[in-house]
């Protein structure tokens, strides 16, 4: 499936600034995943220079643990593509 890059850019520009950073980080992750870099190579990469936001710090220091996409969607009573 081909994606219109102009539509992606327009959607990105509509995001609030804090969400733009998250979207960029995720796209960067997908790019690395696509290049089949393993975790050892990723761990050796230099960290970016952007400080974590207060929300990111809170999440990082949280003891709540990881929640999958499906679990989050279920908690919010939203539909998922996952088969139940």
Protein backbone atom coordinates (compact mmCIF):
# COMPACT_ATOMS: atom_id res chain seq x y z
CA UNK A 1 0.00 0.00 0.00
CA UNK A 2 1.49 3.31 -1.07
CA UNK A 3 1.09 6.23 1.28
CA UNK A 4 0.87 9.79 0.00
CA UNK A 5 3.83 11.53 1.67
CA UNK A 6 2.08 14.91 1.46
CA UNK A 7 -0.83 13.51 3.50
CA UNK A 8 1.60 12.15 6.11
CA UNK A 9 3.37 15.51 6.34
CA UNK A 10 0.05 17.37 6.61
CA UNK A 11 -1.10 15.02 9.38
CA UNK A 12 2.22 15.43 11.18
CA UNK A 13 1.92 19.24 11.01
CA UNK A 14 -1.55 19.05 12.60
CA UNK A 15 -0.15 17.35 15.71
CA UNK A 16 0.69 19.37 18.82
CA UNK A 17 4.45 19.89 19.25
CA UNK A 18 4.78 17.25 22.00
CA UNK A 19 3.02 14.69 19.80
CA UNK A 20 5.25 15.61 16.84
CA UNK A 21 8.28 14.54 18.86
CA UNK A 22 6.61 11.23 19.71
CA UNK A 23 5.63 10.69 16.07
CA UNK A 24 9.18 11.46 14.96
CA UNK A 25 10.62 9.07 17.55
CA UNK A 26 8.26 6.31 16.38
CA UNK A 27 9.10 6.88 12.72
CA UNK A 28 12.77 6.74 13.62
CA UNK A 29 12.14 3.45 15.46
CA UNK A 30 10.32 2.03 12.44
CA UNK A 31 13.19 3.10 10.22
CA UNK A 32 15.67 1.31 12.46
CA UNK A 33 13.44 -1.75 12.66
CA UNK A 34 13.14 -1.78 8.88
CA UNK A 35 16.94 -1.72 8.63
CA UNK A 36 16.94 -4.80 10.87
CA UNK A 37 19.21 -3.28 13.48
CA UNK A 38 19.35 -5.49 16.51
CA UNK A 39 19.10 -4.25 20.11
CA UNK A 40 22.87 -4.42 20.61
CA UNK A 41 23.39 -1.94 17.78
CA UNK A 42 20.60 0.28 19.06
CA UNK A 43 22.09 0.30 22.56
CA UNK A 44 25.41 1.49 21.12
CA UNK A 45 23.81 4.47 19.39
CA UNK A 46 24.35 7.91 20.86
CA UNK A 47 21.27 9.28 22.66
CA UNK A 48 19.56 12.30 21.18
CA UNK A 49 20.07 15.67 22.80
CA UNK A 50 16.40 16.34 23.48
CA UNK A 51 15.53 16.23 27.16
CA UNK A 52 12.56 14.13 28.24
CA UNK A 53 9.33 15.99 28.91
CA UNK A 54 7.77 15.86 32.38
CA UNK A 55 5.26 13.29 31.09
CA UNK A 56 8.01 11.13 29.59
CA UNK A 57 9.94 11.31 32.88
CA UNK A 58 6.79 10.31 34.78
CA UNK A 59 6.22 7.35 32.50
CA UNK A 60 9.85 6.29 32.70
CA UNK A 61 9.78 6.36 36.50
CA UNK A 62 6.38 4.68 36.77
CA UNK A 63 6.03 1.29 38.41
CA UNK A 64 2.86 0.56 36.43
CA UNK A 65 4.72 -1.44 33.80
CA UNK A 66 4.14 -1.93 30.10
CA UNK A 67 0.67 -1.89 28.57
CA UNK A 68 0.14 -3.26 25.09
CA UNK A 69 -1.78 -1.34 22.44
CA UNK A 70 -4.64 -3.81 22.71
CA UNK A 71 -4.79 -3.46 26.52
CA UNK A 72 -4.86 0.33 26.26
CA UNK A 73 -7.60 0.27 23.61
CA UNK A 74 -9.62 -2.18 25.73
CA UNK A 75 -9.22 0.00 28.83
CA UNK A 76 -10.52 2.99 26.84
CA UNK A 77 -13.37 0.90 25.36
CA UNK A 78 -12.10 1.52 21.83
CA UNK A 79 -12.14 -1.02 18.99
CA UNK A 80 -8.95 -2.80 18.00
CA UNK A 81 -7.90 -4.89 15.05
CA UNK A 82 -6.95 -7.69 17.45
CA UNK A 83 -9.21 -10.70 17.40
CA UNK A 84 -10.63 -11.52 20.83
